[in-house]
Amino acid sequence: MQRYGAGVSEQDLLSAFDNAPIGIAVLTPQGVVTLCNAAMGRLLDRDPAELVGRTFFDVTHPDDLDDARRNCVLMQADDARILRHECRFVLDDERVIWVSVSTSRVPGTAGHAAHLIMHIEDVSDRKLLEAELSHRALHDPLTGLANRTLFTERMREVLGGRSRPIRAGHLFYLDLDGFKEVNDRFGHAVGDVVLTQLAARIVALLRVGDVAARLGGDEFAVLCEDTEPHHADSIAERLRTAAAEPFVVDGATITLSAAVGCCPTDHADTALLLREADRRMYERKRMRAVPLPRNGTGG
């Protein structure tokens, strides 16, 4: 029996293959599985024998399939190539997992055809953590709305990526009147509930493609594409109405109002647009007295 180093036999290598903690498969250069280990079967929730004669294209997520096929073509063209990529697999129960795939090509020798060695590891937990961290970085932790960074990025995409003439959109800037008094009288926990309820009301008003954000404190912004001026007036009124609807928190009924500034998104300077919508909001706020919150039943 051939030896592969001090005290290591071919049987030892086969045992290592079978008992490896990550999925390992041997494939033809065309990507057809000829051998796979138990870990690969566990990864895909299948009997390893069922995978022989098939390709991993069968379980690759449709959105990742083109890249997987391109990688297979590259592996056929380069004996020295090692490819690493991440993609999604769809299991029989329709669960989707993220995997890290490392593929190397073993050149053919006398009596042995060229083949591929593939290592596949489940990285779903890491991808989930990355998604959560990305979401936290771009969303307001209290309301779940976009934060200023994501909202500005979205504005740049919308305003700078137009490929055809369309009606200008509108940017709305909303600020609650008397919100500081809510925090002072009822506490910040109640104030947080008011903000989350308002955020939910704003989201309920959005069309597909509209974006809402909490910019900080009790300031919110909404970006609506392709909006006629008279429709913008209607949206602003609906936002004011949403803010004026009583907030019920722990038996207390709190009534507030809001000033809403609106300006057309007729150019791509996002900072200037936000300043202009903010200016118009404060202009409306100055036009009327700021009402204090009223405590109703249970307050």
C-alpha atoms as a PDB file:
ATOM      1  CA  MET A   1       0.000   0.000   0.000  1.00  0.00           C
ATOM      2  CA  GLN A   2       1.347   3.432  -0.979  1.00  0.00           C
ATOM      3  CA  ARG A   3       2.477   5.688   1.858  1.00  0.00           C
ATOM      4  CA  TYR A   4       1.892   9.480   1.977  1.00  0.00           C
ATOM      5  CA  GLY A   5       4.376  10.594   4.636  1.00  0.00           C
ATOM      6  CA  ALA A   6       5.436   9.016   7.869  1.00  0.00           C
ATOM      7  CA  GLY A   7       2.856   6.430   8.829  1.00  0.00           C
ATOM      8  CA  VAL A   8       0.119   7.819   6.550  1.00  0.00           C
ATOM      9  CA  SER A   9      -1.498   5.386   4.122  1.00  0.00           C
ATOM     10  CA  GLU A  10      -4.056   5.737   1.373  1.00  0.00           C
ATOM     11  CA  GLN A  11      -6.612   4.289   3.784  1.00  0.00           C
ATOM     12  CA  ASP A  12      -5.743   7.058   6.260  1.00  0.00           C
ATOM     13  CA  LEU A  13      -6.357   9.667   3.569  1.00  0.00           C
ATOM     14  CA  LEU A  14      -9.720   8.142   2.675  1.00  0.00           C
ATOM     15  CA  SER A  15     -10.672   8.199   6.343  1.00  0.00           C
ATOM     16  CA  ALA A  16      -9.630  11.845   6.573  1.00  0.00           C
ATOM     17  CA  PHE A  17     -11.770  12.599   3.500  1.00  0.00           C
ATOM     18  CA  ASP A  18     -14.786  10.787   4.907  1.00  0.00           C
ATOM     19  CA  ASN A  19     -14.514  12.386   8.362  1.00  0.00           C
ATOM     20  CA  ALA A  20     -13.501  15.922   7.409  1.00  0.00           C
ATOM     21  CA  PRO A  21     -15.588  18.572   9.227  1.00  0.00           C
ATOM     22  CA  ILE A  22     -16.384  20.477   6.018  1.00  0.00           C
ATOM     23  CA  GLY A  23     -17.877  19.281   2.762  1.00  0.00           C
ATOM     24  CA  ILE A  24     -15.415  17.894   0.242  1.00  0.00           C
ATOM     25  CA  ALA A  25     -16.248  16.654  -3.243  1.00  0.00           C
ATOM     26  CA  VAL A  26     -14.352  15.341  -6.251  1.00  0.00           C
ATOM     27  CA  LEU A  27     -15.797  16.452  -9.578  1.00  0.00           C
ATOM     28  CA  THR A  28     -15.101  16.111 -13.267  1.00  0.00           C
ATOM     29  CA  PRO A  29     -13.786  19.269 -14.987  1.00  0.00           C
ATOM     30  CA  GLN A  30     -17.386  19.810 -16.153  1.00  0.00           C
ATOM     31  CA  GLY A  31     -18.601  19.929 -12.557  1.00  0.00           C
ATOM     32  CA  VAL A  32     -20.176  16.471 -12.221  1.00  0.00           C
ATOM     33  CA  VAL A  33     -19.740  14.963  -8.749  1.00  0.00           C
ATOM     34  CA  THR A  34     -17.864  11.672  -8.680  1.00  0.00           C
ATOM     35  CA  LEU A  35     -17.263  11.421  -4.927  1.00  0.00           C
ATOM     36  CA  CYS A  36     -18.265  13.378  -1.836  1.00  0.00           C
ATOM     37  CA  ASN A  37     -17.894  12.969   1.888  1.00  0.00           C
ATOM     38  CA  ALA A  38     -20.376  12.684   4.736  1.00  0.00           C
ATOM     39  CA  ALA A  39     -20.058  16.362   5.684  1.00  0.00           C
ATOM     40  CA  MET A  40     -21.214  17.330   2.200  1.00  0.00           C
ATOM     41  CA  GLY A  41     -24.263  15.146   2.652  1.00  0.00           C
ATOM     42  CA  ARG A  42     -25.024  16.761   6.000  1.00  0.00           C
ATOM     43  CA  LEU A  43     -24.554  20.227   4.507  1.00  0.00           C
ATOM     44  CA  LEU A  44     -27.127  19.552   1.801  1.00  0.00           C
ATOM     45  CA  ASP A  45     -29.299  17.296   3.986  1.00  0.00           C
ATOM     46  CA  ARG A  46     -28.931  14.427   1.510  1.00  0.00           C
ATOM     47  CA  ASP A  47     -27.357  11.006   1.295  1.00  0.00           C
ATOM     48  CA  PRO A  48     -23.880  11.605  -0.202  1.00  0.00           C
ATOM     49  CA  ALA A  49     -24.510   8.787  -2.682  1.00  0.00           C
ATOM     50  CA  GLU A  50     -27.445  10.785  -4.117  1.00  0.00           C
ATOM     51  CA  LEU A  51     -25.084  13.592  -5.100  1.00  0.00           C
ATOM     52  CA  VAL A  52     -22.865  11.406  -7.283  1.00  0.00           C
ATOM     53  CA  GLY A  53     -23.560  11.991 -10.963  1.00  0.00           C
ATOM     54  CA  ARG A  54     -25.108  15.385 -10.305  1.00  0.00           C
ATOM     55  CA  THR A  55     -23.725  18.915 -10.326  1.00  0.00           C
ATOM     56  CA  PHE A  56     -23.912  21.567  -7.640  1.00  0.00           C
ATOM     57  CA  PHE A  57     -25.718  23.686 -10.197  1.00  0.00           C
ATOM     58  CA  ASP A  58     -28.783  21.663  -9.162  1.00  0.00           C
ATOM     59  CA  VAL A  59     -28.757  23.243  -5.698  1.00  0.00           C
ATOM     60  CA  THR A  60     -27.309  26.670  -6.505  1.00  0.00           C
ATOM     61  CA  HIS A  61     -29.633  29.620  -5.994  1.00  0.00           C
ATOM     62  CA  PRO A  62     -30.925  30.910  -9.377  1.00  0.00           C
ATOM     63  CA  ASP A  63     -29.428  34.366  -8.748  1.00  0.00           C
ATOM     64  CA  ASP A  64     -25.960  32.827  -8.254  1.00  0.00           C
ATOM     65  CA  LEU A  65     -26.122  30.284 -11.071  1.00  0.00           C
ATOM     66  CA  ASP A  66     -24.472  32.362 -13.807  1.00  0.00           C
ATOM     67  CA  ASP A  67     -21.427  33.057 -11.641  1.00  0.00           C
ATOM     68  CA  ALA A  68     -21.161  29.377 -10.709  1.00  0.00           C
ATOM     69  CA  ARG A  69     -21.194  28.329 -14.354  1.00  0.00           C
ATOM     70  CA  ARG A  70     -18.592  30.944 -15.285  1.00  0.00           C
ATOM     71  CA  ASN A  71     -16.339  29.649 -12.522  1.00  0.00           C
ATOM     72  CA  CYS A  72     -16.691  26.128 -13.857  1.00  0.00           C
ATOM     73  CA  VAL A  73     -15.605  27.284 -17.314  1.00  0.00           C
ATOM     74  CA  LEU A  74     -12.598  29.059 -15.806  1.00  0.00           C
ATOM     75  CA  MET A  75     -11.570  25.903 -13.951  1.00  0.00           C
ATOM     76  CA  GLN A  76     -11.607  23.931 -17.197  1.00  0.00           C
ATOM     77  CA  ALA A  77      -9.226  26.418 -18.812  1.00  0.00           C
ATOM     78  CA  ASP A  78      -6.519  26.748 -16.159  1.00  0.00           C
ATOM     79  CA  ASP A  79      -4.771  23.831 -14.441  1.00  0.00           C
ATOM     80  CA  ALA A  80      -3.200  26.061 -11.792  1.00  0.00           C
ATOM     81  CA  ARG A  81      -6.294  28.044 -10.933  1.00  0.00           C
ATOM     82  CA  ILE A  82      -7.805  28.077  -7.458  1.00  0.00           C
ATOM     83  CA  LEU A  83     -11.154  29.804  -7.185  1.00  0.00           C
ATOM     84  CA  ARG A  84     -12.874  30.972  -4.018  1.00  0.00           C
ATOM     85  CA  HIS A  85     -16.342  32.426  -3.949  1.00  0.00           C
ATOM     86  CA  GLU A  86     -19.507  32.562  -1.877  1.00  0.00           C
ATOM     87  CA  CYS A  87     -22.966  31.670  -3.072  1.00  0.00           C
ATOM     88  CA  ARG A  88     -26.305  30.361  -1.883  1.00  0.00           C
ATOM     89  CA  PHE A  89     -27.572  26.792  -1.970  1.00  0.00           C
ATOM     90  CA  VAL A  90     -31.270  25.948  -1.921  1.00  0.00           C
ATOM     91  CA  LEU A  91     -32.062  22.769   0.012  1.00  0.00           C
ATOM     92  CA  ASP A  92     -34.933  20.379  -0.668  1.00  0.00           C
ATOM     93  CA  ASP A  93     -37.048  21.973   2.084  1.00  0.00           C
ATOM     94  CA  GLU A  94     -36.494  25.369   0.364  1.00  0.00           C
ATOM     95  CA  ARG A  95     -34.139  26.587   3.075  1.00  0.00           C
ATOM     96  CA  VAL A  96     -31.391  28.817   1.709  1.00  0.00           C
ATOM     97  CA  ILE A  97     -27.864  28.613   3.099  1.00  0.00           C
ATOM     98  CA  TRP A  98     -24.768  30.628   2.285  1.00  0.00           C
ATOM     99  CA  VAL A  99     -21.640  28.640   1.519  1.00  0.00           C
ATOM    100  CA  SER A 100     -17.986  29.411   0.954  1.00  0.00           C
ATOM    101  CA  VAL A 101     -16.638  27.408  -1.997  1.00  0.00           C
ATOM    102  CA  SER A 102     -12.961  26.760  -2.723  1.00  0.00           C
ATOM    103  CA  THR A 103     -12.195  24.843  -5.914  1.00  0.00           C
ATOM    104  CA  SER A 104      -8.834  23.599  -7.187  1.00  0.00           C
ATOM    105  CA  ARG A 105      -8.009  21.658 -10.340  1.00  0.00           C
ATOM    106  CA  VAL A 106      -5.835  18.555 -10.250  1.00  0.00           C
ATOM    107  CA  PRO A 107      -4.126  18.116 -13.642  1.00  0.00           C
ATOM    108  CA  GLY A 108      -4.403  14.786 -15.420  1.00  0.00           C
ATOM    109  CA  THR A 109      -1.553  12.310 -15.233  1.00  0.00           C
ATOM    110  CA  ALA A 110      -0.860   8.989 -16.900  1.00  0.00           C
ATOM    111  CA  GLY A 111      -3.868   6.827 -16.118  1.00  0.00           C
ATOM    112  CA  HIS A 112      -5.674   9.542 -14.168  1.00  0.00           C
ATOM    113  CA  ALA A 113      -7.995  12.140 -15.674  1.00  0.00           C
ATOM    114  CA  ALA A 114      -7.974  15.744 -14.547  1.00  0.00           C
ATOM    115  CA  HIS A 115     -10.512  16.504 -11.847  1.00  0.00           C
ATOM    116  CA  LEU A 116     -11.660  19.202  -9.464  1.00  0.00           C
ATOM    117  CA  ILE A 117     -11.490  19.220  -5.683  1.00  0.00           C
ATOM    118  CA  MET A 118     -14.139  21.357  -4.020  1.00  0.00           C
ATOM    119  CA  HIS A 119     -14.342  22.390  -0.358  1.00  0.00           C
ATOM    120  CA  ILE A 120     -17.702  23.801   0.751  1.00  0.00           C
ATOM    121  CA  GLU A 121     -18.403  25.311   4.171  1.00  0.00           C
ATOM    122  CA  ASP A 122     -21.650  26.698   5.586  1.00  0.00           C
ATOM    123  CA  VAL A 123     -21.133  30.426   6.328  1.00  0.00           C
ATOM    124  CA  SER A 124     -24.794  31.325   6.889  1.00  0.00           C
ATOM    125  CA  ASP A 125     -24.194  32.534  10.454  1.00  0.00           C
ATOM    126  CA  ARG A 126     -21.451  34.892   9.321  1.00  0.00           C
ATOM    127  CA  LYS A 127     -23.542  36.245   6.445  1.00  0.00           C
ATOM    128  CA  LEU A 128     -26.452  36.813   8.814  1.00  0.00           C
ATOM    129  CA  LEU A 129     -24.192  38.715  11.199  1.00  0.00           C
ATOM    130  CA  GLU A 130     -22.785  40.791   8.325  1.00  0.00           C
ATOM    131  CA  ALA A 131     -26.318  41.617   7.172  1.00  0.00           C
ATOM    132  CA  GLU A 132     -27.326  42.617  10.697  1.00  0.00           C
ATOM    133  CA  LEU A 133     -24.271  44.852  11.092  1.00  0.00           C
ATOM    134  CA  SER A 134     -24.889  46.426   7.692  1.00  0.00           C
ATOM    135  CA  HIS A 135     -28.524  47.040   8.582  1.00  0.00           C
ATOM    136  CA  ARG A 136     -27.554  48.643  11.895  1.00  0.00           C
ATOM    137  CA  ALA A 137     -25.070  50.905  10.142  1.00  0.00           C
ATOM    138  CA  LEU A 138     -27.695  52.174   7.706  1.00  0.00           C
ATOM    139  CA  HIS A 139     -30.909  52.153   9.720  1.00  0.00           C
ATOM    140  CA  ASP A 140     -32.238  53.980  12.735  1.00  0.00           C
ATOM    141  CA  PRO A 141     -32.102  51.499  15.643  1.00  0.00           C
ATOM    142  CA  LEU A 142     -35.337  52.786  17.200  1.00  0.00           C
ATOM    143  CA  THR A 143     -37.724  52.949  14.251  1.00  0.00           C
ATOM    144  CA  GLY A 144     -36.027  50.698  11.684  1.00  0.00           C
ATOM    145  CA  LEU A 145     -36.264  53.458   9.087  1.00  0.00           C
ATOM    146  CA  ALA A 146     -33.298  54.486   6.964  1.00  0.00           C
ATOM    147  CA  ASN A 147     -30.836  56.719   8.781  1.00  0.00           C
ATOM    148  CA  ARG A 148     -29.332  59.887   7.311  1.00  0.00           C
ATOM    149  CA  THR A 149     -26.477  57.991   5.651  1.00  0.00           C
ATOM    150  CA  LEU A 150     -28.725  55.530   3.821  1.00  0.00           C
ATOM    151  CA  PHE A 151     -31.293  58.198   2.982  1.00  0.00           C
ATOM    152  CA  THR A 152     -28.638  60.423   1.414  1.00  0.00           C
ATOM    153  CA  GLU A 153     -27.252  57.442  -0.500  1.00  0.00           C
ATOM    154  CA  ARG A 154     -30.723  56.585  -1.757  1.00  0.00           C
ATOM    155  CA  MET A 155     -31.277  60.200  -2.807  1.00  0.00           C
ATOM    156  CA  ARG A 156     -28.041  60.138  -4.809  1.00  0.00           C
ATOM    157  CA  GLU A 157     -29.116  56.938  -6.540  1.00  0.00           C
ATOM    158  CA  VAL A 158     -32.533  58.340  -7.435  1.00  0.00           C
ATOM    159  CA  LEU A 159     -31.472  61.845  -8.404  1.00  0.00           C
ATOM    160  CA  GLY A 160     -28.201  60.996 -10.106  1.00  0.00           C
ATOM    161  CA  GLY A 161     -29.214  57.829 -11.952  1.00  0.00           C
ATOM    162  CA  ARG A 162     -32.091  58.977 -14.097  1.00  0.00           C
ATOM    163  CA  SER A 163     -31.920  57.585 -17.631  1.00  0.00           C
ATOM    164  CA  ARG A 164     -35.114  59.192 -18.942  1.00  0.00           C
ATOM    165  CA  PRO A 165     -36.960  62.445 -18.315  1.00  0.00           C
ATOM    166  CA  ILE A 166     -39.594  62.073 -15.585  1.00  0.00           C
ATOM    167  CA  ARG A 167     -41.557  64.435 -13.432  1.00  0.00           C
ATOM    168  CA  ALA A 168     -39.556  65.711 -10.504  1.00  0.00           C
ATOM    169  CA  GLY A 169     -39.986  63.962  -7.226  1.00  0.00           C
ATOM    170  CA  HIS A 170     -40.495  65.709  -3.913  1.00  0.00           C
ATOM    171  CA  LEU A 171     -38.639  65.691  -0.634  1.00  0.00           C
ATOM    172  CA  PHE A 172     -40.612  66.068   2.604  1.00  0.00           C
ATOM    173  CA  TYR A 173     -39.112  67.101   5.936  1.00  0.00           C
ATOM    174  CA  LEU A 174     -41.215  66.545   9.057  1.00  0.00           C
ATOM    175  CA  ASP A 175     -40.629  67.781  12.589  1.00  0.00           C
ATOM    176  CA  LEU A 176     -42.932  67.161  15.566  1.00  0.00           C
ATOM    177  CA  ASP A 177     -44.187  70.171  17.538  1.00  0.00           C
ATOM    178  CA  GLY A 178     -43.876  69.888  21.297  1.00  0.00           C
ATOM    179  CA  PHE A 179     -42.017  66.591  21.343  1.00  0.00           C
ATOM    180  CA  LYS A 180     -39.530  67.826  23.958  1.00  0.00           C
ATOM    181  CA  GLU A 181     -42.444  68.341  26.357  1.00  0.00           C
ATOM    182  CA  VAL A 182     -43.478  64.715  25.816  1.00  0.00           C
ATOM    183  CA  ASN A 183     -40.045  63.519  26.945  1.00  0.00           C
ATOM    184  CA  ASP A 184     -40.015  65.953  29.859  1.00  0.00           C
ATOM    185  CA  ARG A 185     -43.485  65.020  31.081  1.00  0.00           C
ATOM    186  CA  PHE A 186     -43.789  61.307  30.317  1.00  0.00           C
ATOM    187  CA  GLY A 187     -40.168  60.203  29.996  1.00  0.00           C
ATOM    188  CA  HIS A 188     -37.976  59.169  27.104  1.00  0.00           C
ATOM    189  CA  ALA A 189     -39.395  55.633  26.960  1.00  0.00           C
ATOM    190  CA  VAL A 190     -42.829  57.051  26.137  1.00  0.00           C
ATOM    191  CA  GLY A 191     -41.232  59.462  23.663  1.00  0.00           C
ATOM    192  CA  ASP A 192     -39.572  56.507  21.925  1.00  0.00           C
ATOM    193  CA  VAL A 193     -42.941  54.778  21.547  1.00  0.00           C
ATOM    194  CA  VAL A 194     -44.404  57.930  20.014  1.00  0.00           C
ATOM    195  CA  LEU A 195     -41.572  58.002  17.469  1.00  0.00           C
ATOM    196  CA  THR A 196     -41.987  54.322  16.564  1.00  0.00           C
ATOM    197  CA  GLN A 197     -45.745  54.777  16.150  1.00  0.00           C
ATOM    198  CA  LEU A 198     -45.201  57.800  13.922  1.00  0.00           C
ATOM    199  CA  ALA A 199     -42.634  55.885  11.854  1.00  0.00           C
ATOM    200  CA  ALA A 200     -45.172  53.091  11.296  1.00  0.00           C
ATOM    201  CA  ARG A 201     -47.785  55.629  10.174  1.00  0.00           C
ATOM    202  CA  ILE A 202     -45.339  57.189   7.729  1.00  0.00           C
ATOM    203  CA  VAL A 203     -44.405  53.807   6.264  1.00  0.00           C
ATOM    204  CA  ALA A 204     -48.103  53.035   5.771  1.00  0.00           C
ATOM    205  CA  LEU A 205     -48.368  56.091   3.503  1.00  0.00           C
ATOM    206  CA  LEU A 206     -45.463  55.155   1.230  1.00  0.00           C
ATOM    207  CA  ARG A 207     -45.757  53.916  -2.312  1.00  0.00           C
ATOM    208  CA  VAL A 208     -43.406  51.339  -3.780  1.00  0.00           C
ATOM    209  CA  GLY A 209     -40.127  53.144  -4.382  1.00  0.00           C
ATOM    210  CA  ASP A 210     -40.677  55.857  -1.770  1.00  0.00           C
ATOM    211  CA  VAL A 211     -38.117  56.074   1.041  1.00  0.00           C
ATOM    212  CA  ALA A 212     -38.603  57.260   4.621  1.00  0.00           C
ATOM    213  CA  ALA A 213     -35.892  58.078   7.131  1.00  0.00           C
ATOM    214  CA  ARG A 214     -35.458  59.261  10.677  1.00  0.00           C
ATOM    215  CA  LEU A 215     -32.768  61.897  10.462  1.00  0.00           C
ATOM    216  CA  GLY A 216     -32.422  62.325  14.210  1.00  0.00           C
ATOM    217  CA  GLY A 217     -34.535  63.250  17.218  1.00  0.00           C
ATOM    218  CA  ASP A 218     -38.095  63.872  16.062  1.00  0.00           C
ATOM    219  CA  GLU A 219     -37.103  64.772  12.491  1.00  0.00           C
ATOM    220  CA  PHE A 220     -38.180  62.544   9.608  1.00  0.00           C
ATOM    221  CA  ALA A 221     -37.774  62.769   5.844  1.00  0.00           C
ATOM    222  CA  VAL A 222     -39.612  61.153   2.953  1.00  0.00           C
ATOM    223  CA  LEU A 223     -38.463  60.962  -0.675  1.00  0.00           C
ATOM    224  CA  CYS A 224     -41.178  60.416  -3.289  1.00  0.00           C
ATOM    225  CA  GLU A 225     -40.237  60.005  -6.934  1.00  0.00           C
ATOM    226  CA  ASP A 226     -42.214  61.179  -9.965  1.00  0.00           C
ATOM    227  CA  THR A 227     -44.759  63.263  -8.052  1.00  0.00           C
ATOM    228  CA  GLU A 228     -46.973  66.051  -9.426  1.00  0.00           C
ATOM    229  CA  PRO A 229     -46.990  69.254  -7.329  1.00  0.00           C
ATOM    230  CA  HIS A 230     -50.651  68.824  -6.363  1.00  0.00           C
ATOM    231  CA  HIS A 231     -49.921  65.248  -5.299  1.00  0.00           C
ATOM    232  CA  ALA A 232     -47.045  66.560  -3.188  1.00  0.00           C
ATOM    233  CA  ASP A 233     -49.452  68.884  -1.374  1.00  0.00           C
ATOM    234  CA  SER A 234     -51.696  65.893  -0.670  1.00  0.00           C
ATOM    235  CA  ILE A 235     -48.777  63.822   0.649  1.00  0.00           C
ATOM    236  CA  ALA A 236     -47.681  66.651   2.940  1.00  0.00           C
ATOM    237  CA  GLU A 237     -51.209  66.906   4.319  1.00  0.00           C
ATOM    238  CA  ARG A 238     -51.367  63.153   4.927  1.00  0.00           C
ATOM    239  CA  LEU A 239     -48.066  63.336   6.808  1.00  0.00           C
ATOM    240  CA  ARG A 240     -49.421  66.134   8.972  1.00  0.00           C
ATOM    241  CA  THR A 241     -52.595  64.140   9.597  1.00  0.00           C
ATOM    242  CA  ALA A 242     -50.570  61.060  10.563  1.00  0.00           C
ATOM    243  CA  ALA A 243     -48.659  63.101  13.135  1.00  0.00           C
ATOM    244  CA  ALA A 244     -51.848  64.707  14.496  1.00  0.00           C
ATOM    245  CA  GLU A 245     -53.561  61.385  15.184  1.00  0.00           C
ATOM    246  CA  PRO A 246     -53.407  60.768  18.964  1.00  0.00           C
ATOM    247  CA  PHE A 247     -50.651  58.522  20.268  1.00  0.00           C
ATOM    248  CA  VAL A 248     -51.775  56.105  22.971  1.00  0.00           C
ATOM    249  CA  VAL A 249     -48.950  54.915  25.235  1.00  0.00           C
ATOM    250  CA  ASP A 250     -49.452  53.073  28.531  1.00  0.00           C
ATOM    251  CA  GLY A 251     -52.963  54.433  28.905  1.00  0.00           C
ATOM    252  CA  ALA A 252     -51.958  58.017  28.149  1.00  0.00           C
ATOM    253  CA  THR A 253     -53.282  59.765  25.053  1.00  0.00           C
ATOM    254  CA  ILE A 254     -50.808  62.276  23.637  1.00  0.00           C
ATOM    255  CA  THR A 255     -51.770  64.669  20.867  1.00  0.00           C
ATOM    256  CA  LEU A 256     -49.109  66.443  18.832  1.00  0.00           C
ATOM    257  CA  SER A 257     -48.839  68.215  15.523  1.00  0.00           C
ATOM    258  CA  ALA A 258     -46.110  68.467  12.927  1.00  0.00           C
ATOM    259  CA  ALA A 259     -44.661  70.941  10.507  1.00  0.00           C
ATOM    260  CA  VAL A 260     -43.902  69.528   7.058  1.00  0.00           C
ATOM    261  CA  GLY A 261     -41.594  71.198   4.565  1.00  0.00           C
ATOM    262  CA  CYS A 262     -41.668  70.100   0.931  1.00  0.00           C
ATOM    263  CA  CYS A 263     -39.509  70.915  -2.081  1.00  0.00           C
ATOM    264  CA  PRO A 264     -39.207  69.426  -5.575  1.00  0.00           C
ATOM    265  CA  THR A 265     -36.152  67.274  -6.271  1.00  0.00           C
ATOM    266  CA  ASP A 266     -35.311  69.150  -9.440  1.00  0.00           C
ATOM    267  CA  HIS A 267     -31.538  68.806  -9.094  1.00  0.00           C
ATOM    268  CA  ALA A 268     -29.075  66.273  -7.739  1.00  0.00           C
ATOM    269  CA  ASP A 269     -27.476  68.220  -4.865  1.00  0.00           C
ATOM    270  CA  THR A 270     -28.747  66.132  -1.940  1.00  0.00           C
ATOM    271  CA  ALA A 271     -27.313  68.393   0.777  1.00  0.00           C
ATOM    272  CA  LEU A 272     -28.936  71.457  -0.761  1.00  0.00           C
ATOM    273  CA  LEU A 273     -32.273  69.674  -1.114  1.00  0.00           C
ATOM    274  CA  LEU A 274     -32.275  68.602   2.532  1.00  0.00           C
ATOM    275  CA  ARG A 275     -31.416  72.132   3.647  1.00  0.00           C
ATOM    276  CA  GLU A 276     -34.172  73.589   1.501  1.00  0.00           C
ATOM    277  CA  ALA A 277     -36.807  71.134   2.754  1.00  0.00           C
ATOM    278  CA  ASP A 278     -35.652  71.824   6.309  1.00  0.00           C
ATOM    279  CA  ARG A 279     -35.889  75.580   5.732  1.00  0.00           C
ATOM    280  CA  ARG A 280     -39.417  75.261   4.376  1.00  0.00           C
ATOM    281  CA  MET A 281     -40.388  73.127   7.357  1.00  0.00           C
ATOM    282  CA  TYR A 282     -39.175  75.772   9.814  1.00  0.00           C
ATOM    283  CA  GLU A 283     -40.887  78.447   7.768  1.00  0.00           C
ATOM    284  CA  ARG A 284     -44.185  76.647   8.259  1.00  0.00           C
ATOM    285  CA  LYS A 285     -43.407  76.129  11.945  1.00  0.00           C
ATOM    286  CA  ARG A 286     -42.865  79.863  12.424  1.00  0.00           C
ATOM    287  CA  MET A 287     -46.207  80.638  10.775  1.00  0.00           C
ATOM    288  CA  ARG A 288     -48.124  79.190  13.692  1.00  0.00           C
ATOM    289  CA  ALA A 289     -47.803  78.840  17.418  1.00  0.00           C
ATOM    290  CA  VAL A 290     -46.284  75.599  18.689  1.00  0.00           C
ATOM    291  CA  PRO A 291     -48.997  73.696  20.640  1.00  0.00           C
ATOM    292  CA  LEU A 292     -48.074  71.834  23.812  1.00  0.00           C
ATOM    293  CA  PRO A 293     -49.017  68.130  24.099  1.00  0.00           C
ATOM    294  CA  ARG A 294     -52.385  67.491  25.611  1.00  0.00           C
ATOM    295  CA  ASN A 295     -52.895  64.641  28.047  1.00  0.00           C
ATOM    296  CA  GLY A 296     -56.210  62.849  27.588  1.00  0.00           C
ATOM    297  CA  THR A 297     -57.699  59.774  29.187  1.00  0.00           C
ATOM    298  CA  GLY A 298     -55.483  57.963  31.621  1.00  0.00           C
ATOM    299  CA  GLY A 299     -52.798  60.711  31.592  1.00  0.00           C
END
